[in-house]
Full PDB file with SEQRES, HELIX, SHEET, SSBOND, CRYST1, ORIGX, SCALE, CONECT and MASTER records, all heavy atoms in Angstrom:
SEQRES   1 A   42  TYR GLU ARG ALA LYS LEU GLY ILE SER ARG THR PHE GLN          
SEQRES   2 A   42  ASN ILE ALA LEU TYR THR ASN ALA THR VAL LEU ASP ASN          
SEQRES   3 A   42  LEU MET ALA ALA ARG HIS ILE HIS MET LYS SER ASN MET          
SEQRES   4 A   42  LEU THR GLY                                                  
HELIX    1 AA1 GLU A    2  LEU A    6  1                                   5    
HELIX    2 AA2 VAL A   23  ALA A   30  1                                   8    
HELIX    3 AA3 ARG A   31  HIS A   34  5                                   4    
CRYST1    1.000    1.000    1.000  90.00  90.00  90.00 P 1           1          
ORIGX1      1.000000  0.000000  0.000000        0.00000                         
ORIGX2      0.000000  1.000000  0.000000        0.00000                         
ORIGX3      0.000000  0.000000  1.000000        0.00000                         
SCALE1      1.000000  0.000000  0.000000        0.00000                         
SCALE2      0.000000  1.000000  0.000000        0.00000                         
SCALE3      0.000000  0.000000  1.000000        0.00000                         
ATOM      1  N   TYR A   1     -40.676 -84.094  29.645  1.00  0.00           N  
ATOM      2  CA  TYR A   1     -42.041 -83.797  29.104  1.00  0.00           C  
ATOM      3  C   TYR A   1     -42.695 -85.168  28.867  1.00  0.00           C  
ATOM      4  O   TYR A   1     -43.977 -85.246  29.040  1.00  0.00           O  
ATOM      5  CB  TYR A   1     -41.950 -83.049  27.784  1.00  0.00           C  
ATOM      6  CG  TYR A   1     -41.380 -83.833  26.527  1.00  0.00           C  
ATOM      7  CD1 TYR A   1     -42.316 -84.406  25.751  1.00  0.00           C  
ATOM      8  CD2 TYR A   1     -40.204 -83.743  26.245  1.00  0.00           C  
ATOM      9  CE1 TYR A   1     -41.833 -85.097  24.607  1.00  0.00           C  
ATOM     10  CE2 TYR A   1     -39.643 -84.428  25.164  1.00  0.00           C  
ATOM     11  CZ  TYR A   1     -40.558 -85.243  24.391  1.00  0.00           C  
ATOM     12  OH  TYR A   1     -40.054 -85.816  23.174  1.00  0.00           O  
ATOM     13  N   GLU A   2     -41.955 -86.273  28.651  1.00  0.00           N  
ATOM     14  CA  GLU A   2     -42.582 -87.702  28.431  1.00  0.00           C  
ATOM     15  C   GLU A   2     -42.945 -88.206  29.871  1.00  0.00           C  
ATOM     16  O   GLU A   2     -44.108 -88.799  29.949  1.00  0.00           O  
ATOM     17  CB  GLU A   2     -41.474 -88.692  27.768  1.00  0.00           C  
ATOM     18  CG  GLU A   2     -41.320 -88.264  26.327  1.00  0.00           C  
ATOM     19  CD  GLU A   2     -42.550 -88.629  25.403  1.00  0.00           C  
ATOM     20  OE1 GLU A   2     -43.459 -89.244  25.885  1.00  0.00           O  
ATOM     21  OE2 GLU A   2     -42.331 -88.349  24.209  1.00  0.00           O  
ATOM     22  N   ARG A   3     -42.178 -87.896  30.775  1.00  0.00           N  
ATOM     23  CA  ARG A   3     -42.577 -88.290  32.180  1.00  0.00           C  
ATOM     24  C   ARG A   3     -43.897 -87.508  32.670  1.00  0.00           C  
ATOM     25  O   ARG A   3     -44.706 -88.046  33.382  1.00  0.00           O  
ATOM     26  CB  ARG A   3     -41.529 -88.103  33.209  1.00  0.00           C  
ATOM     27  CG  ARG A   3     -40.274 -88.883  32.619  1.00  0.00           C  
ATOM     28  CD  ARG A   3     -39.153 -88.889  33.738  1.00  0.00           C  
ATOM     29  NE  ARG A   3     -37.824 -89.299  33.169  1.00  0.00           N  
ATOM     30  CZ  ARG A   3     -36.881 -89.832  33.857  1.00  0.00           C  
ATOM     31  NH1 ARG A   3     -36.939 -89.920  35.032  1.00  0.00           N  
ATOM     32  NH2 ARG A   3     -35.687 -90.063  33.131  1.00  0.00           N  
ATOM     33  N   ALA A   4     -43.975 -86.225  32.293  1.00  0.00           N  
ATOM     34  CA  ALA A   4     -45.088 -85.421  32.597  1.00  0.00           C  
ATOM     35  C   ALA A   4     -46.406 -86.082  31.986  1.00  0.00           C  
ATOM     36  O   ALA A   4     -47.439 -86.073  32.562  1.00  0.00           O  
ATOM     37  CB  ALA A   4     -44.910 -84.029  32.243  1.00  0.00           C  
ATOM     38  N   LYS A   5     -46.220 -86.450  30.660  1.00  0.00           N  
ATOM     39  CA  LYS A   5     -47.418 -86.997  29.924  1.00  0.00           C  
ATOM     40  C   LYS A   5     -47.861 -88.241  30.704  1.00  0.00           C  
ATOM     41  O   LYS A   5     -49.155 -88.678  30.649  1.00  0.00           O  
ATOM     42  CB  LYS A   5     -46.936 -87.413  28.522  1.00  0.00           C  
ATOM     43  CG  LYS A   5     -46.876 -86.185  27.604  1.00  0.00           C  
ATOM     44  CD  LYS A   5     -46.552 -86.628  26.249  1.00  0.00           C  
ATOM     45  CE  LYS A   5     -46.502 -85.526  25.263  1.00  0.00           C  
ATOM     46  NZ  LYS A   5     -46.167 -85.824  23.949  1.00  0.00           N  
ATOM     47  N   LEU A   6     -46.886 -89.030  31.230  1.00  0.00           N  
ATOM     48  CA  LEU A   6     -47.289 -90.323  31.965  1.00  0.00           C  
ATOM     49  C   LEU A   6     -47.981 -90.021  33.272  1.00  0.00           C  
ATOM     50  O   LEU A   6     -48.432 -90.951  33.866  1.00  0.00           O  
ATOM     51  CB  LEU A   6     -46.117 -91.169  32.146  1.00  0.00           C  
ATOM     52  CG  LEU A   6     -45.307 -91.799  30.869  1.00  0.00           C  
ATOM     53  CD1 LEU A   6     -44.121 -92.557  31.181  1.00  0.00           C  
ATOM     54  CD2 LEU A   6     -46.291 -92.628  30.176  1.00  0.00           C  
ATOM     55  N   GLY A   7     -47.791 -88.903  33.867  1.00  0.00           N  
ATOM     56  CA  GLY A   7     -48.435 -88.471  35.048  1.00  0.00           C  
ATOM     57  C   GLY A   7     -47.601 -88.062  36.162  1.00  0.00           C  
ATOM     58  O   GLY A   7     -47.933 -88.104  37.456  1.00  0.00           O  
ATOM     59  N   ILE A   8     -46.282 -87.627  35.918  1.00  0.00           N  
ATOM     60  CA  ILE A   8     -45.440 -87.092  36.994  1.00  0.00           C  
ATOM     61  C   ILE A   8     -45.356 -85.535  36.778  1.00  0.00           C  
ATOM     62  O   ILE A   8     -45.017 -85.101  35.828  1.00  0.00           O  
ATOM     63  CB  ILE A   8     -44.027 -87.793  36.868  1.00  0.00           C  
ATOM     64  CG1 ILE A   8     -44.146 -89.209  36.941  1.00  0.00           C  
ATOM     65  CG2 ILE A   8     -43.066 -87.125  37.948  1.00  0.00           C  
ATOM     66  CD1 ILE A   8     -42.880 -90.002  36.705  1.00  0.00           C  
ATOM     67  N   SER A   9     -45.661 -84.948  37.885  1.00  0.00           N  
ATOM     68  CA  SER A   9     -45.462 -83.449  37.939  1.00  0.00           C  
ATOM     69  C   SER A   9     -44.836 -83.005  39.263  1.00  0.00           C  
ATOM     70  O   SER A   9     -44.777 -83.804  40.133  1.00  0.00           O  
ATOM     71  CB  SER A   9     -46.822 -82.657  37.589  1.00  0.00           C  
ATOM     72  OG  SER A   9     -47.654 -82.758  38.823  1.00  0.00           O  
ATOM     73  N   ARG A  10     -44.131 -81.747  39.193  1.00  0.00           N  
ATOM     74  CA  ARG A  10     -43.435 -81.371  40.371  1.00  0.00           C  
ATOM     75  C   ARG A  10     -43.572 -79.801  40.699  1.00  0.00           C  
ATOM     76  O   ARG A  10     -43.965 -79.020  39.791  1.00  0.00           O  
ATOM     77  CB  ARG A  10     -41.915 -81.737  40.151  1.00  0.00           C  
ATOM     78  CG  ARG A  10     -41.302 -80.831  39.125  1.00  0.00           C  
ATOM     79  CD  ARG A  10     -39.809 -81.032  38.978  1.00  0.00           C  
ATOM     80  NE  ARG A  10     -39.310 -80.430  40.267  1.00  0.00           N  
ATOM     81  CZ  ARG A  10     -37.922 -80.491  40.506  1.00  0.00           C  
ATOM     82  NH1 ARG A  10     -37.099 -81.039  39.596  1.00  0.00           N  
ATOM     83  NH2 ARG A  10     -37.406 -79.955  41.557  1.00  0.00           N  
ATOM     84  N   THR A  11     -43.239 -79.563  41.849  1.00  0.00           N  
ATOM     85  CA  THR A  11     -42.976 -78.041  42.238  1.00  0.00           C  
ATOM     86  C   THR A  11     -41.459 -77.994  42.399  1.00  0.00           C  
ATOM     87  O   THR A  11     -40.757 -78.896  42.589  1.00  0.00           O  
ATOM     88  CB  THR A  11     -43.699 -77.629  43.485  1.00  0.00           C  
ATOM     89  OG1 THR A  11     -43.194 -78.468  44.515  1.00  0.00           O  
ATOM     90  CG2 THR A  11     -45.252 -77.945  43.259  1.00  0.00           C  
ATOM     91  N   PHE A  12     -40.928 -76.690  42.484  1.00  0.00           N  
ATOM     92  CA  PHE A  12     -39.615 -76.471  42.646  1.00  0.00           C  
ATOM     93  C   PHE A  12     -39.252 -75.841  43.989  1.00  0.00           C  
ATOM     94  O   PHE A  12     -40.029 -75.024  44.356  1.00  0.00           O  
ATOM     95  CB  PHE A  12     -39.109 -75.603  41.512  1.00  0.00           C  
ATOM     96  CG  PHE A  12     -39.175 -76.357  40.124  1.00  0.00           C  
ATOM     97  CD1 PHE A  12     -40.285 -76.291  39.399  1.00  0.00           C  
ATOM     98  CD2 PHE A  12     -38.007 -76.878  39.583  1.00  0.00           C  
ATOM     99  CE1 PHE A  12     -40.351 -77.072  38.171  1.00  0.00           C  
ATOM    100  CE2 PHE A  12     -37.942 -77.612  38.337  1.00  0.00           C  
ATOM    101  CZ  PHE A  12     -39.214 -77.589  37.741  1.00  0.00           C  
ATOM    102  N   GLN A  13     -38.140 -76.007  44.394  1.00  0.00           N  
ATOM    103  CA  GLN A  13     -37.532 -75.388  45.790  1.00  0.00           C  
ATOM    104  C   GLN A  13     -37.567 -73.833  45.491  1.00  0.00           C  
ATOM    105  O   GLN A  13     -37.985 -73.088  46.317  1.00  0.00           O  
ATOM    106  CB  GLN A  13     -36.216 -76.008  45.973  1.00  0.00           C  
ATOM    107  CG  GLN A  13     -35.786 -75.448  47.320  1.00  0.00           C  
ATOM    108  CD  GLN A  13     -34.349 -76.138  47.693  1.00  0.00           C  
ATOM    109  OE1 GLN A  13     -33.970 -77.184  47.126  1.00  0.00           O  
ATOM    110  NE2 GLN A  13     -33.579 -75.574  48.594  1.00  0.00           N  
ATOM    111  N   ASN A  14     -37.027 -73.429  44.353  1.00  0.00           N  
ATOM    112  CA  ASN A  14     -37.050 -72.047  43.823  1.00  0.00           C  
ATOM    113  C   ASN A  14     -38.161 -71.971  42.889  1.00  0.00           C  
ATOM    114  O   ASN A  14     -38.169 -72.554  41.833  1.00  0.00           O  
ATOM    115  CB  ASN A  14     -35.705 -71.761  43.328  1.00  0.00           C  
ATOM    116  CG  ASN A  14     -34.648 -71.825  44.289  1.00  0.00           C  
ATOM    117  OD1 ASN A  14     -34.675 -71.430  45.424  1.00  0.00           O  
ATOM    118  ND2 ASN A  14     -33.377 -72.492  43.793  1.00  0.00           N  
ATOM    119  N   ILE A  15     -39.054 -71.112  43.195  1.00  0.00           N  
ATOM    120  CA  ILE A  15     -40.221 -70.933  42.447  1.00  0.00           C  
ATOM    121  C   ILE A  15     -39.954 -70.634  40.914  1.00  0.00           C  
ATOM    122  O   ILE A  15     -39.157 -69.817  40.641  1.00  0.00           O  
ATOM    123  CB  ILE A  15     -41.170 -69.693  42.985  1.00  0.00           C  
ATOM    124  CG1 ILE A  15     -41.669 -70.080  44.497  1.00  0.00           C  
ATOM    125  CG2 ILE A  15     -42.370 -69.564  42.005  1.00  0.00           C  
ATOM    126  CD1 ILE A  15     -42.303 -69.043  45.086  1.00  0.00           C  
ATOM    127  N   ALA A  16     -40.648 -71.408  40.076  1.00  0.00           N  
ATOM    128  CA  ALA A  16     -40.417 -71.393  38.598  1.00  0.00           C  
ATOM    129  C   ALA A  16     -41.742 -70.996  37.789  1.00  0.00           C  
ATOM    130  O   ALA A  16     -42.242 -71.853  37.198  1.00  0.00           O  
ATOM    131  CB  ALA A  16     -39.711 -72.537  38.063  1.00  0.00           C  
ATOM    132  N   LEU A  17     -42.147 -69.852  37.989  1.00  0.00           N  
ATOM    133  CA  LEU A  17     -43.442 -69.382  37.357  1.00  0.00           C  
ATOM    134  C   LEU A  17     -43.187 -68.338  36.399  1.00  0.00           C  
ATOM    135  O   LEU A  17     -42.210 -67.734  36.337  1.00  0.00           O  
ATOM    136  CB  LEU A  17     -44.543 -68.846  38.493  1.00  0.00           C  
ATOM    137  CG  LEU A  17     -44.960 -69.814  39.467  1.00  0.00           C  
ATOM    138  CD1 LEU A  17     -45.701 -69.087  40.645  1.00  0.00           C  
ATOM    139  CD2 LEU A  17     -45.937 -70.874  38.885  1.00  0.00           C  
ATOM    140  N   TYR A  18     -44.201 -68.084  35.567  1.00  0.00           N  
ATOM    141  CA  TYR A  18     -44.154 -66.877  34.617  1.00  0.00           C  
ATOM    142  C   TYR A  18     -44.574 -65.703  35.364  1.00  0.00           C  
ATOM    143  O   TYR A  18     -45.773 -65.405  35.558  1.00  0.00           O  
ATOM    144  CB  TYR A  18     -45.076 -67.127  33.407  1.00  0.00           C  
ATOM    145  CG  TYR A  18     -44.741 -68.386  32.609  1.00  0.00           C  
ATOM    146  CD1 TYR A  18     -45.601 -69.500  32.444  1.00  0.00           C  
ATOM    147  CD2 TYR A  18     -43.535 -68.529  31.961  1.00  0.00           C  
ATOM    148  CE1 TYR A  18     -45.313 -70.590  31.697  1.00  0.00           C  
ATOM    149  CE2 TYR A  18     -43.185 -69.602  31.200  1.00  0.00           C  
ATOM    150  CZ  TYR A  18     -44.003 -70.624  31.138  1.00  0.00           C  
ATOM    151  OH  TYR A  18     -43.739 -71.789  30.389  1.00  0.00           O  
ATOM    152  N   THR A  19     -43.594 -64.909  35.884  1.00  0.00           N  
ATOM    153  CA  THR A  19     -44.002 -63.888  36.822  1.00  0.00           C  
ATOM    154  C   THR A  19     -44.665 -62.668  36.175  1.00  0.00           C  
ATOM    155  O   THR A  19     -45.266 -61.902  36.874  1.00  0.00           O  
ATOM    156  CB  THR A  19     -42.724 -63.303  37.545  1.00  0.00           C  
ATOM    157  OG1 THR A  19     -41.693 -62.895  36.480  1.00  0.00           O  
ATOM    158  CG2 THR A  19     -42.026 -64.433  38.375  1.00  0.00           C  
ATOM    159  N   ASN A  20     -44.522 -62.568  34.815  1.00  0.00           N  
ATOM    160  CA  ASN A  20     -45.236 -61.459  34.199  1.00  0.00           C  
ATOM    161  C   ASN A  20     -46.701 -61.842  33.672  1.00  0.00           C  
ATOM    162  O   ASN A  20     -47.268 -61.071  32.935  1.00  0.00           O  
ATOM    163  CB  ASN A  20     -44.446 -60.894  32.956  1.00  0.00           C  
ATOM    164  CG  ASN A  20     -43.125 -60.232  33.426  1.00  0.00           C  
ATOM    165  OD1 ASN A  20     -43.112 -59.529  34.478  1.00  0.00           O  
ATOM    166  ND2 ASN A  20     -42.065 -60.455  32.815  1.00  0.00           N  
ATOM    167  N   ALA A  21     -47.058 -63.013  33.923  1.00  0.00           N  
ATOM    168  CA  ALA A  21     -48.440 -63.465  33.531  1.00  0.00           C  
ATOM    169  C   ALA A  21     -49.308 -63.607  34.687  1.00  0.00           C  
ATOM    170  O   ALA A  21     -48.857 -63.682  35.932  1.00  0.00           O  
ATOM    171  CB  ALA A  21     -48.249 -64.883  32.772  1.00  0.00           C  
ATOM    172  N   THR A  22     -50.626 -63.816  34.527  1.00  0.00           N  
ATOM    173  CA  THR A  22     -51.466 -63.837  35.546  1.00  0.00           C  
ATOM    174  C   THR A  22     -51.566 -65.292  36.067  1.00  0.00           C  
ATOM    175  O   THR A  22     -50.903 -66.342  35.480  1.00  0.00           O  
ATOM    176  CB  THR A  22     -52.985 -63.634  35.030  1.00  0.00           C  
ATOM    177  OG1 THR A  22     -53.451 -64.580  34.074  1.00  0.00           O  
ATOM    178  CG2 THR A  22     -53.071 -62.272  34.394  1.00  0.00           C  
ATOM    179  N   VAL A  23     -52.146 -65.499  37.298  1.00  0.00           N  
ATOM    180  CA  VAL A  23     -52.306 -66.780  37.852  1.00  0.00           C  
ATOM    181  C   VAL A  23     -53.095 -67.723  36.885  1.00  0.00           C  
ATOM    182  O   VAL A  23     -52.704 -68.814  36.639  1.00  0.00           O  
ATOM    183  CB  VAL A  23     -53.114 -66.622  39.212  1.00  0.00           C  
ATOM    184  CG1 VAL A  23     -53.436 -68.120  39.797  1.00  0.00           C  
ATOM    185  CG2 VAL A  23     -52.309 -65.861  40.287  1.00  0.00           C  
ATOM    186  N   LEU A  24     -54.156 -67.227  36.275  1.00  0.00           N  
ATOM    187  CA  LEU A  24     -54.841 -67.987  35.272  1.00  0.00           C  
ATOM    188  C   LEU A  24     -54.017 -68.436  34.251  1.00  0.00           C  
ATOM    189  O   LEU A  24     -54.135 -69.597  33.880  1.00  0.00           O  
ATOM    190  CB  LEU A  24     -56.074 -67.234  34.853  1.00  0.00           C  
ATOM    191  CG  LEU A  24     -57.102 -67.913  33.883  1.00  0.00           C  
ATOM    192  CD1 LEU A  24     -57.704 -69.090  34.489  1.00  0.00           C  
ATOM    193  CD2 LEU A  24     -58.171 -66.907  33.531  1.00  0.00           C  
ATOM    194  N   ASP A  25     -53.249 -67.523  33.631  1.00  0.00           N  
ATOM    195  CA  ASP A  25     -52.398 -67.875  32.686  1.00  0.00           C  
ATOM    196  C   ASP A  25     -51.381 -68.862  32.843  1.00  0.00           C  
ATOM    197  O   ASP A  25     -51.003 -69.801  32.030  1.00  0.00           O  
ATOM    198  CB  ASP A  25     -51.812 -66.601  31.981  1.00  0.00           C  
ATOM    199  CG  ASP A  25     -52.828 -65.722  31.174  1.00  0.00           C  
ATOM    200  OD1 ASP A  25     -53.883 -66.242  30.862  1.00  0.00           O  
ATOM    201  OD2 ASP A  25     -52.565 -64.544  30.927  1.00  0.00           O  
ATOM    202  N   ASN A  26     -50.809 -68.781  34.061  1.00  0.00           N  
ATOM    203  CA  ASN A  26     -49.781 -69.792  34.560  1.00  0.00           C  
ATOM    204  C   ASN A  26     -50.429 -71.204  34.614  1.00  0.00           C  
ATOM    205  O   ASN A  26     -49.770 -72.118  34.150  1.00  0.00           O  
ATOM    206  CB  ASN A  26     -49.235 -69.361  35.964  1.00  0.00           C  
ATOM    207  CG  ASN A  26     -47.960 -68.571  35.864  1.00  0.00           C  
ATOM    208  OD1 ASN A  26     -46.836 -69.050  35.680  1.00  0.00           O  
ATOM    209  ND2 ASN A  26     -48.080 -67.118  35.746  1.00  0.00           N  
ATOM    210  N   LEU A  27     -51.627 -71.231  35.059  1.00  0.00           N  
ATOM    211  CA  LEU A  27     -52.253 -72.511  35.119  1.00  0.00           C  
ATOM    212  C   LEU A  27     -52.607 -73.048  33.750  1.00  0.00           C  
ATOM    213  O   LEU A  27     -52.523 -74.273  33.499  1.00  0.00           O  
ATOM    214  CB  LEU A  27     -53.395 -72.498  36.182  1.00  0.00           C  
ATOM    215  CG  LEU A  27     -53.210 -72.801  37.633  1.00  0.00           C  
ATOM    216  CD1 LEU A  27     -52.068 -71.911  38.145  1.00  0.00           C  
ATOM    217  CD2 LEU A  27     -54.455 -72.816  38.451  1.00  0.00           C  
ATOM    218  N   MET A  28     -53.162 -72.285  32.996  1.00  0.00           N  
ATOM    219  CA  MET A  28     -53.493 -72.599  31.580  1.00  0.00           C  
ATOM    220  C   MET A  28     -52.262 -73.114  30.785  1.00  0.00           C  
ATOM    221  O   MET A  28     -52.348 -74.023  30.033  1.00  0.00           O  
ATOM    222  CB  MET A  28     -54.123 -71.537  30.847  1.00  0.00           C  
ATOM    223  CG  MET A  28     -55.576 -71.317  31.288  1.00  0.00           C  
ATOM    224  SD  MET A  28     -56.667 -72.683  30.883  1.00  0.00           S  
ATOM    225  CE  MET A  28     -56.697 -72.662  28.995  1.00  0.00           C  
ATOM    226  N   ALA A  29     -51.184 -72.578  31.063  1.00  0.00           N  
ATOM    227  CA  ALA A  29     -49.935 -72.902  30.349  1.00  0.00           C  
ATOM    228  C   ALA A  29     -49.456 -74.380  30.590  1.00  0.00           C  
ATOM    229  O   ALA A  29     -49.059 -75.113  29.781  1.00  0.00           O  
ATOM    230  CB  ALA A  29     -48.651 -71.997  30.663  1.00  0.00           C  
ATOM    231  N   ALA A  30     -49.829 -74.794  31.886  1.00  0.00           N  
ATOM    232  CA  ALA A  30     -49.580 -76.025  32.292  1.00  0.00           C  
ATOM    233  C   ALA A  30     -50.431 -77.194  31.616  1.00  0.00           C  
ATOM    234  O   ALA A  30     -50.073 -78.316  31.533  1.00  0.00           O  
ATOM    235  CB  ALA A  30     -49.573 -76.276  33.776  1.00  0.00           C  
ATOM    236  N   ARG A  31     -51.558 -76.729  30.991  1.00  0.00           N  
ATOM    237  CA  ARG A  31     -52.531 -77.634  30.393  1.00  0.00           C  
ATOM    238  C   ARG A  31     -52.048 -78.045  28.974  1.00  0.00           C  
ATOM    239  O   ARG A  31     -52.718 -78.876  28.425  1.00  0.00           O  
ATOM    240  CB  ARG A  31     -53.917 -77.022  30.369  1.00  0.00           C  
ATOM    241  CG  ARG A  31     -54.541 -76.837  31.708  1.00  0.00           C  
ATOM    242  CD  ARG A  31     -54.862 -77.986  32.431  1.00  0.00           C  
ATOM    243  NE  ARG A  31     -55.762 -78.847  31.739  1.00  0.00           N  
ATOM    244  CZ  ARG A  31     -56.062 -80.077  32.041  1.00  0.00           C  
ATOM    245  NH1 ARG A  31     -55.593 -80.624  33.212  1.00  0.00           N  
ATOM    246  NH2 ARG A  31     -56.967 -80.852  31.298  1.00  0.00           N  
ATOM    247  N   HIS A  32     -51.070 -77.278  28.341  1.00  0.00           N  
ATOM    248  CA  HIS A  32     -50.673 -77.491  27.033  1.00  0.00           C  
ATOM    249  C   HIS A  32     -50.374 -79.050  26.676  1.00  0.00           C  
ATOM    250  O   HIS A  32     -50.501 -79.560  25.630  1.00  0.00           O  
ATOM    251  CB  HIS A  32     -49.462 -76.656  26.658  1.00  0.00           C  
ATOM    252  CG  HIS A  32     -48.165 -77.239  26.993  1.00  0.00           C  
ATOM    253  ND1 HIS A  32     -47.728 -77.049  28.435  1.00  0.00           N  
ATOM    254  CD2 HIS A  32     -47.155 -77.973  26.504  1.00  0.00           C  
ATOM    255  CE1 HIS A  32     -46.524 -77.572  28.431  1.00  0.00           C  
ATOM    256  NE2 HIS A  32     -46.171 -78.120  27.319  1.00  0.00           N  
ATOM    257  N   ILE A  33     -49.895 -79.735  27.685  1.00  0.00           N  
ATOM    258  CA  ILE A  33     -49.424 -81.107  27.511  1.00  0.00           C  
ATOM    259  C   ILE A  33     -50.617 -82.020  27.181  1.00  0.00           C  
ATOM    260  O   ILE A  33     -50.597 -83.059  26.774  1.00  0.00           O  
ATOM    261  CB  ILE A  33     -48.744 -81.623  28.734  1.00  0.00           C  
ATOM    262  CG1 ILE A  33     -47.701 -82.702  28.373  1.00  0.00           C  
ATOM    263  CG2 ILE A  33     -49.631 -82.036  29.874  1.00  0.00           C  
ATOM    264  CD1 ILE A  33     -46.662 -83.159  29.341  1.00  0.00           C  
ATOM    265  N   HIS A  34     -51.811 -81.591  27.604  1.00  0.00           N  
ATOM    266  CA  HIS A  34     -53.028 -82.308  27.463  1.00  0.00           C  
ATOM    267  C   HIS A  34     -53.908 -81.869  26.157  1.00  0.00           C  
ATOM    268  O   HIS A  34     -54.910 -82.516  25.824  1.00  0.00           O  
ATOM    269  CB  HIS A  34     -54.032 -82.247  28.574  1.00  0.00           C  
ATOM    270  CG  HIS A  34     -53.396 -82.929  29.775  1.00  0.00           C  
ATOM    271  ND1 HIS A  34     -53.076 -84.185  29.940  1.00  0.00           N  
ATOM    272  CD2 HIS A  34     -53.079 -82.403  31.016  1.00  0.00           C  
ATOM    273  CE1 HIS A  34     -52.667 -84.460  31.087  1.00  0.00           C  
ATOM    274  NE2 HIS A  34     -52.618 -83.364  31.877  1.00  0.00           N  
ATOM    275  N   MET A  35     -53.420 -80.836  25.542  1.00  0.00           N  
ATOM    276  CA  MET A  35     -54.109 -80.209  24.349  1.00  0.00           C  
ATOM    277  C   MET A  35     -53.819 -80.959  23.129  1.00  0.00           C  
ATOM    278  O   MET A  35     -52.697 -81.296  22.781  1.00  0.00           O  
ATOM    279  CB  MET A  35     -53.762 -78.699  24.238  1.00  0.00           C  
ATOM    280  CG  MET A  35     -54.315 -77.868  25.323  1.00  0.00           C  
ATOM    281  SD  MET A  35     -54.016 -76.056  25.113  1.00  0.00           S  
ATOM    282  CE  MET A  35     -54.648 -75.371  26.733  1.00  0.00           C  
ATOM    283  N   LYS A  36     -54.936 -81.303  22.319  1.00  0.00           N  
ATOM    284  CA  LYS A  36     -54.753 -82.055  21.127  1.00  0.00           C  
ATOM    285  C   LYS A  36     -55.080 -81.352  19.886  1.00  0.00           C  
ATOM    286  O   LYS A  36     -54.862 -82.002  18.765  1.00  0.00           O  
ATOM    287  CB  LYS A  36     -55.704 -83.347  21.314  1.00  0.00           C  
ATOM    288  CG  LYS A  36     -55.553 -84.167  22.470  1.00  0.00           C  
ATOM    289  CD  LYS A  36     -56.460 -85.357  22.574  1.00  0.00           C  
ATOM    290  CE  LYS A  36     -56.030 -86.341  23.633  1.00  0.00           C  
ATOM    291  NZ  LYS A  36     -56.056 -85.789  24.964  1.00  0.00           N  
ATOM    292  N   SER A  37     -55.580 -80.095  19.876  1.00  0.00           N  
ATOM    293  CA  SER A  37     -55.912 -79.444  18.730  1.00  0.00           C  
ATOM    294  C   SER A  37     -54.675 -79.039  17.843  1.00  0.00           C  
ATOM    295  O   SER A  37     -53.591 -78.861  18.492  1.00  0.00           O  
ATOM    296  CB  SER A  37     -56.740 -78.227  19.046  1.00  0.00           C  
ATOM    297  OG  SER A  37     -55.932 -77.314  19.754  1.00  0.00           O  
ATOM    298  N   ASN A  38     -54.894 -79.165  16.557  1.00  0.00           N  
ATOM    299  CA  ASN A  38     -53.608 -78.761  15.736  1.00  0.00           C  
ATOM    300  C   ASN A  38     -53.348 -77.346  15.632  1.00  0.00           C  
ATOM    301  O   ASN A  38     -54.184 -76.485  15.908  1.00  0.00           O  
ATOM    302  CB  ASN A  38     -53.605 -79.504  14.361  1.00  0.00           C  
ATOM    303  CG  ASN A  38     -54.993 -79.042  13.629  1.00  0.00           C  
ATOM    304  OD1 ASN A  38     -55.286 -77.881  13.557  1.00  0.00           O  
ATOM    305  ND2 ASN A  38     -55.497 -80.054  12.947  1.00  0.00           N  
ATOM    306  N   MET A  39     -52.366 -76.916  14.898  1.00  0.00           N  
ATOM    307  CA  MET A  39     -52.056 -75.460  14.764  1.00  0.00           C  
ATOM    308  C   MET A  39     -53.130 -74.677  14.195  1.00  0.00           C  
ATOM    309  O   MET A  39     -53.654 -73.568  14.390  1.00  0.00           O  
ATOM    310  CB  MET A  39     -50.571 -75.313  13.956  1.00  0.00           C  
ATOM    311  CG  MET A  39     -50.234 -73.868  14.015  1.00  0.00           C  
ATOM    312  SD  MET A  39     -48.589 -73.687  13.204  1.00  0.00           S  
ATOM    313  CE  MET A  39     -47.510 -74.718  14.248  1.00  0.00           C  
ATOM    314  N   LEU A  40     -53.695 -75.258  12.926  1.00  0.00           N  
ATOM    315  CA  LEU A  40     -54.806 -74.622  12.223  1.00  0.00           C  
ATOM    316  C   LEU A  40     -55.999 -74.337  13.051  1.00  0.00           C  
ATOM    317  O   LEU A  40     -56.490 -73.259  13.172  1.00  0.00           O  
ATOM    318  CB  LEU A  40     -55.034 -75.445  10.999  1.00  0.00           C  
ATOM    319  CG  LEU A  40     -56.223 -74.756  10.118  1.00  0.00           C  
ATOM    320  CD1 LEU A  40     -55.889 -73.359   9.599  1.00  0.00           C  
ATOM    321  CD2 LEU A  40     -56.557 -75.777   8.910  1.00  0.00           C  
ATOM    322  N   THR A  41     -56.551 -75.478  13.719  1.00  0.00           N  
ATOM    323  CA  THR A  41     -57.782 -75.267  14.406  1.00  0.00           C  
ATOM    324  C   THR A  41     -57.519 -74.555  15.623  1.00  0.00           C  
ATOM    325  O   THR A  41     -58.362 -73.635  16.075  1.00  0.00           O  
ATOM    326  CB  THR A  41     -58.317 -76.740  14.840  1.00  0.00           C  
ATOM    327  OG1 THR A  41     -57.449 -77.326  15.580  1.00  0.00           O  
ATOM    328  CG2 THR A  41     -58.828 -77.455  13.720  1.00  0.00           C  
ATOM    329  N   GLY A  42     -56.279 -74.477  16.267  1.00  0.00           N  
ATOM    330  CA  GLY A  42     -56.055 -73.685  17.383  1.00  0.00           C  
ATOM    331  C   GLY A  42     -55.920 -72.269  17.078  1.00  0.00           C  
ATOM    332  O   GLY A  42     -56.404 -71.384  17.728  1.00  0.00           O  
TER     333      GLY A  42                                                      
MASTER        0    0    0    3    0    0    0    6  332    1    0    4          
END                                                                             
């Protein structure tokens, strides 16, 4: 996760997605690393 914060991301040989979620939700989940709001405001 620290390497991801520095700017390294990857795809996997065997797909590793949230299969029960939508395309939009899968992409939004990846944005959490850039989110800065705290638990209360969130």
